[in-house]
Amino acid sequence: MFKRSDYFIICAVMFSFFISAYLWFVIKDQQQAIFTAIWIPSIFTFGIYFKLCALMGQRK
């Protein structure tokens, strides 16, 4: 069900989340943490887009 690219997207999201949490709780830099947290939906969006492109390409 999951492909290697799906795991890459999930790992990128987890990495962004952990960096954001580190910036928020350890470094205490809220602006950088929020900026990094904004990457999470963007990474998911690109992942969904590329997944749909791959699925549409298989049907043709």
PDB file of N, CA and C in Angstrom:
ATOM      1  N   MET A   1       0.820  -1.189   0.000  1.00  0.00           N
ATOM      2  CA  MET A   1       0.000   0.000   0.000  1.00  0.00           C
ATOM      3  C   MET A   1       0.867   1.257   0.000  1.00  0.00           C
ATOM      4  N   PHE A   2       1.851   1.301   0.890  1.00  0.00           N
ATOM      5  CA  PHE A   2       2.739   2.460   0.928  1.00  0.00           C
ATOM      6  C   PHE A   2       3.952   2.190   0.053  1.00  0.00           C
ATOM      7  N   LYS A   3       4.360   3.219  -0.672  1.00  0.00           N
ATOM      8  CA  LYS A   3       5.560   3.128  -1.489  1.00  0.00           C
ATOM      9  C   LYS A   3       6.698   3.870  -0.784  1.00  0.00           C
ATOM     10  N   ARG A   4       7.866   3.736  -1.340  1.00  0.00           N
ATOM     11  CA  ARG A   4       9.029   4.396  -0.757  1.00  0.00           C
ATOM     12  C   ARG A   4       8.840   5.913  -0.716  1.00  0.00           C
ATOM     13  N   SER A   5       8.217   6.464  -1.735  1.00  0.00           N
ATOM     14  CA  SER A   5       7.992   7.910  -1.765  1.00  0.00           C
ATOM     15  C   SER A   5       7.036   8.355  -0.652  1.00  0.00           C
ATOM     16  N   ASP A   6       6.069   7.503  -0.316  1.00  0.00           N
ATOM     17  CA  ASP A   6       5.155   7.830   0.785  1.00  0.00           C
ATOM     18  C   ASP A   6       5.905   7.913   2.110  1.00  0.00           C
ATOM     19  N   TYR A   7       6.820   6.984   2.320  1.00  0.00           N
ATOM     20  CA  TYR A   7       7.619   7.017   3.541  1.00  0.00           C
ATOM     21  C   TYR A   7       8.529   8.241   3.581  1.00  0.00           C
ATOM     22  N   PHE A   8       9.025   8.640   2.423  1.00  0.00           N
ATOM     23  CA  PHE A   8       9.859   9.840   2.369  1.00  0.00           C
ATOM     24  C   PHE A   8       9.060  11.074   2.779  1.00  0.00           C
ATOM     25  N   ILE A   9       7.834  11.188   2.294  1.00  0.00           N
ATOM     26  CA  ILE A   9       6.982  12.329   2.652  1.00  0.00           C
ATOM     27  C   ILE A   9       6.673  12.306   4.151  1.00  0.00           C
ATOM     28  N   ILE A  10       6.340  11.153   4.681  1.00  0.00           N
ATOM     29  CA  ILE A  10       6.033  11.041   6.109  1.00  0.00           C
ATOM     30  C   ILE A  10       7.257  11.388   6.950  1.00  0.00           C
ATOM     31  N   CYS A  11       8.431  10.933   6.538  1.00  0.00           N
ATOM     32  CA  CYS A  11       9.663  11.263   7.265  1.00  0.00           C
ATOM     33  C   CYS A  11       9.955  12.760   7.210  1.00  0.00           C
ATOM     34  N   ALA A  12       9.711  13.382   6.059  1.00  0.00           N
ATOM     35  CA  ALA A  12       9.927  14.825   5.944  1.00  0.00           C
ATOM     36  C   ALA A  12       8.985  15.599   6.864  1.00  0.00           C
ATOM     37  N   VAL A  13       7.736  15.147   6.953  1.00  0.00           N
ATOM     38  CA  VAL A  13       6.774  15.792   7.842  1.00  0.00           C
ATOM     39  C   VAL A  13       7.182  15.609   9.300  1.00  0.00           C
ATOM     40  N   MET A  14       7.586  14.404   9.655  1.00  0.00           N
ATOM     41  CA  MET A  14       8.011  14.155  11.043  1.00  0.00           C
ATOM     42  C   MET A  14       9.248  14.976  11.384  1.00  0.00           C
ATOM     43  N   PHE A  15      10.186  15.081  10.453  1.00  0.00           N
ATOM     44  CA  PHE A  15      11.381  15.883  10.676  1.00  0.00           C
ATOM     45  C   PHE A  15      11.013  17.347  10.900  1.00  0.00           C
ATOM     46  N   SER A  16      10.128  17.867  10.091  1.00  0.00           N
ATOM     47  CA  SER A  16       9.689  19.248  10.251  1.00  0.00           C
ATOM     48  C   SER A  16       8.992  19.458  11.590  1.00  0.00           C
ATOM     49  N   PHE A  17       8.169  18.494  11.978  1.00  0.00           N
ATOM     50  CA  PHE A  17       7.472  18.598  13.266  1.00  0.00           C
ATOM     51  C   PHE A  17       8.463  18.608  14.437  1.00  0.00           C
ATOM     52  N   PHE A  18       9.436  17.707  14.396  1.00  0.00           N
ATOM     53  CA  PHE A  18      10.391  17.635  15.499  1.00  0.00           C
ATOM     54  C   PHE A  18      11.288  18.870  15.552  1.00  0.00           C
ATOM     55  N   ILE A  19      11.672  19.390  14.406  1.00  0.00           N
ATOM     56  CA  ILE A  19      12.459  20.632  14.392  1.00  0.00           C
ATOM     57  C   ILE A  19      11.629  21.780  14.957  1.00  0.00           C
ATOM     58  N   SER A  20      10.347  21.834  14.592  1.00  0.00           N
ATOM     59  CA  SER A  20       9.471  22.883  15.101  1.00  0.00           C
ATOM     60  C   SER A  20       9.303  22.776  16.620  1.00  0.00           C
ATOM     61  N   ALA A  21       9.089  21.558  17.108  1.00  0.00           N
ATOM     62  CA  ALA A  21       8.951  21.359  18.554  1.00  0.00           C
ATOM     63  C   ALA A  21      10.249  21.709  19.280  1.00  0.00           C
ATOM     64  N   TYR A  22      11.370  21.352  18.696  1.00  0.00           N
ATOM     65  CA  TYR A  22      12.669  21.692  19.292  1.00  0.00           C
ATOM     66  C   TYR A  22      12.848  23.206  19.380  1.00  0.00           C
ATOM     67  N   LEU A  23      12.504  23.893  18.295  1.00  0.00           N
ATOM     68  CA  LEU A  23      12.626  25.344  18.309  1.00  0.00           C
ATOM     69  C   LEU A  23      11.688  25.978  19.327  1.00  0.00           C
ATOM     70  N   TRP A  24      10.494  25.435  19.479  1.00  0.00           N
ATOM     71  CA  TRP A  24       9.506  26.019  20.386  1.00  0.00           C
ATOM     72  C   TRP A  24       9.864  25.773  21.849  1.00  0.00           C
ATOM     73  N   PHE A  25      10.186  24.519  22.183  1.00  0.00           N
ATOM     74  CA  PHE A  25      10.358  24.154  23.593  1.00  0.00           C
ATOM     75  C   PHE A  25      11.795  24.285  24.095  1.00  0.00           C
ATOM     76  N   VAL A  26      12.778  24.029  23.255  1.00  0.00           N
ATOM     77  CA  VAL A  26      14.165  24.048  23.726  1.00  0.00           C
ATOM     78  C   VAL A  26      14.814  25.401  23.468  1.00  0.00           C
ATOM     79  N   ILE A  27      14.733  25.877  22.236  1.00  0.00           N
ATOM     80  CA  ILE A  27      15.372  27.136  21.873  1.00  0.00           C
ATOM     81  C   ILE A  27      14.531  28.337  22.305  1.00  0.00           C
ATOM     82  N   LYS A  28      13.234  28.132  22.462  1.00  0.00           N
ATOM     83  CA  LYS A  28      12.286  29.194  22.849  1.00  0.00           C
ATOM     84  C   LYS A  28      12.169  30.286  21.787  1.00  0.00           C
ATOM     85  N   ASP A  29      12.261  29.872  20.532  1.00  0.00           N
ATOM     86  CA  ASP A  29      12.116  30.809  19.416  1.00  0.00           C
ATOM     87  C   ASP A  29      10.780  30.504  18.725  1.00  0.00           C
ATOM     88  N   GLN A  30       9.736  31.160  19.205  1.00  0.00           N
ATOM     89  CA  GLN A  30       8.391  30.851  18.738  1.00  0.00           C
ATOM     90  C   GLN A  30       8.183  31.199  17.265  1.00  0.00           C
ATOM     91  N   GLN A  31       8.758  32.284  16.791  1.00  0.00           N
ATOM     92  CA  GLN A  31       8.550  32.663  15.392  1.00  0.00           C
ATOM     93  C   GLN A  31       9.159  31.640  14.440  1.00  0.00           C
ATOM     94  N   GLN A  32      10.362  31.198  14.719  1.00  0.00           N
ATOM     95  CA  GLN A  32      10.985  30.177  13.875  1.00  0.00           C
ATOM     96  C   GLN A  32      10.217  28.857  13.963  1.00  0.00           C
ATOM     97  N   ALA A  33       9.705  28.530  15.147  1.00  0.00           N
ATOM     98  CA  ALA A  33       8.953  27.288  15.322  1.00  0.00           C
ATOM     99  C   ALA A  33       7.657  27.310  14.513  1.00  0.00           C
ATOM    100  N   ILE A  34       6.973  28.438  14.533  1.00  0.00           N
ATOM    101  CA  ILE A  34       5.734  28.552  13.757  1.00  0.00           C
ATOM    102  C   ILE A  34       6.036  28.505  12.267  1.00  0.00           C
ATOM    103  N   PHE A  35       7.099  29.169  11.846  1.00  0.00           N
ATOM    104  CA  PHE A  35       7.479  29.144  10.438  1.00  0.00           C
ATOM    105  C   PHE A  35       7.783  27.715   9.984  1.00  0.00           C
ATOM    106  N   THR A  36       8.498  26.979  10.808  1.00  0.00           N
ATOM    107  CA  THR A  36       8.830  25.593  10.471  1.00  0.00           C
ATOM    108  C   THR A  36       7.582  24.711  10.493  1.00  0.00           C
ATOM    109  N   ALA A  37       6.664  24.972  11.398  1.00  0.00           N
ATOM    110  CA  ALA A  37       5.425  24.184  11.475  1.00  0.00           C
ATOM    111  C   ALA A  37       4.545  24.407  10.247  1.00  0.00           C
ATOM    112  N   ILE A  38       4.660  25.561   9.623  1.00  0.00           N
ATOM    113  CA  ILE A  38       3.877  25.835   8.414  1.00  0.00           C
ATOM    114  C   ILE A  38       4.305  24.924   7.266  1.00  0.00           C
ATOM    115  N   TRP A  39       5.520  24.388   7.315  1.00  0.00           N
ATOM    116  CA  TRP A  39       5.988  23.484   6.270  1.00  0.00           C
ATOM    117  C   TRP A  39       5.191  22.186   6.231  1.00  0.00           C
ATOM    118  N   ILE A  40       4.650  21.764   7.363  1.00  0.00           N
ATOM    119  CA  ILE A  40       4.000  20.449   7.444  1.00  0.00           C
ATOM    120  C   ILE A  40       2.841  20.316   6.450  1.00  0.00           C
ATOM    121  N   PRO A  41       1.859  21.218   6.426  1.00  0.00           N
ATOM    122  CA  PRO A  41       0.803  21.063   5.428  1.00  0.00           C
ATOM    123  C   PRO A  41       1.307  21.231   3.996  1.00  0.00           C
ATOM    124  N   SER A  42       2.343  22.041   3.819  1.00  0.00           N
ATOM    125  CA  SER A  42       2.902  22.204   2.476  1.00  0.00           C
ATOM    126  C   SER A  42       3.536  20.908   1.979  1.00  0.00           C
ATOM    127  N   ILE A  43       4.260  20.230   2.837  1.00  0.00           N
ATOM    128  CA  ILE A  43       4.878  18.955   2.455  1.00  0.00           C
ATOM    129  C   ILE A  43       3.801  17.924   2.139  1.00  0.00           C
ATOM    130  N   PHE A  44       2.763  17.857   2.972  1.00  0.00           N
ATOM    131  CA  PHE A  44       1.653  16.940   2.693  1.00  0.00           C
ATOM    132  C   PHE A  44       0.980  17.266   1.364  1.00  0.00           C
ATOM    133  N   THR A  45       0.800  18.545   1.088  1.00  0.00           N
ATOM    134  CA  THR A  45       0.155  18.959  -0.158  1.00  0.00           C
ATOM    135  C   THR A  45       0.972  18.531  -1.368  1.00  0.00           C
ATOM    136  N   PHE A  46       2.278  18.762  -1.324  1.00  0.00           N
ATOM    137  CA  PHE A  46       3.123  18.320  -2.433  1.00  0.00           C
ATOM    138  C   PHE A  46       3.104  16.802  -2.567  1.00  0.00           C
ATOM    139  N   GLY A  47       3.092  16.101  -1.440  1.00  0.00           N
ATOM    140  CA  GLY A  47       3.028  14.639  -1.484  1.00  0.00           C
ATOM    141  C   GLY A  47       1.752  14.144  -2.136  1.00  0.00           C
ATOM    142  N   ILE A  48       0.644  14.751  -1.790  1.00  0.00           N
ATOM    143  CA  ILE A  48      -0.642  14.361  -2.386  1.00  0.00           C
ATOM    144  C   ILE A  48      -0.655  14.690  -3.870  1.00  0.00           C
ATOM    145  N   TYR A  49      -0.117  15.843  -4.234  1.00  0.00           N
ATOM    146  CA  TYR A  49      -0.076  16.231  -5.641  1.00  0.00           C
ATOM    147  C   TYR A  49       0.728  15.233  -6.470  1.00  0.00           C
ATOM    148  N   PHE A  50       1.916  14.896  -5.997  1.00  0.00           N
ATOM    149  CA  PHE A  50       2.751  13.962  -6.744  1.00  0.00           C
ATOM    150  C   PHE A  50       2.157  12.565  -6.775  1.00  0.00           C
ATOM    151  N   LYS A  51       1.490  12.171  -5.702  1.00  0.00           N
ATOM    152  CA  LYS A  51       0.822  10.862  -5.676  1.00  0.00           C
ATOM    153  C   LYS A  51      -0.315  10.830  -6.709  1.00  0.00           C
ATOM    154  N   LEU A  52      -1.094  11.907  -6.782  1.00  0.00           N
ATOM    155  CA  LEU A  52      -2.171  11.963  -7.774  1.00  0.00           C
ATOM    156  C   LEU A  52      -1.628  11.985  -9.199  1.00  0.00           C
ATOM    157  N   CYS A  53      -0.530  12.703  -9.402  1.00  0.00           N
ATOM    158  CA  CYS A  53       0.081  12.712 -10.740  1.00  0.00           C
ATOM    159  C   CYS A  53       0.530  11.319 -11.130  1.00  0.00           C
ATOM    160  N   ALA A  54       1.105  10.570 -10.190  1.00  0.00           N
ATOM    161  CA  ALA A  54       1.547   9.213 -10.485  1.00  0.00           C
ATOM    162  C   ALA A  54       0.366   8.300 -10.764  1.00  0.00           C
ATOM    163  N   LEU A  55      -0.717   8.455 -10.015  1.00  0.00           N
ATOM    164  CA  LEU A  55      -1.899   7.628 -10.244  1.00  0.00           C
ATOM    165  C   LEU A  55      -2.555   7.950 -11.569  1.00  0.00           C
ATOM    166  N   MET A  56      -2.610   9.212 -11.930  1.00  0.00           N
ATOM    167  CA  MET A  56      -3.203   9.591 -13.214  1.00  0.00           C
ATOM    168  C   MET A  56      -2.344   9.118 -14.374  1.00  0.00           C
ATOM    169  N   GLY A  57      -1.052   9.089 -14.188  1.00  0.00           N
ATOM    170  CA  GLY A  57      -0.155   8.616 -15.232  1.00  0.00           C
ATOM    171  C   GLY A  57      -0.266   7.117 -15.468  1.00  0.00           C
ATOM    172  N   GLN A  58      -0.636   6.364 -14.453  1.00  0.00           N
ATOM    173  CA  GLN A  58      -0.791   4.917 -14.582  1.00  0.00           C
ATOM    174  C   GLN A  58      -2.036   4.547 -15.351  1.00  0.00           C
ATOM    175  N   ARG A  59      -3.042   5.388 -15.309  1.00  0.00           N
ATOM    176  CA  ARG A  59      -4.323   5.075 -15.959  1.00  0.00           C
ATOM    177  C   ARG A  59      -4.277   5.258 -17.478  1.00  0.00           C
ATOM    178  N   LYS A  60      -3.361   6.085 -17.953  1.00  0.00           N
ATOM    179  CA  LYS A  60      -3.300   6.379 -19.389  1.00  0.00           C
ATOM    180  C   LYS A  60      -2.510   5.353 -20.138  1.00  0.00           C
TER     181      LYS A  60
END
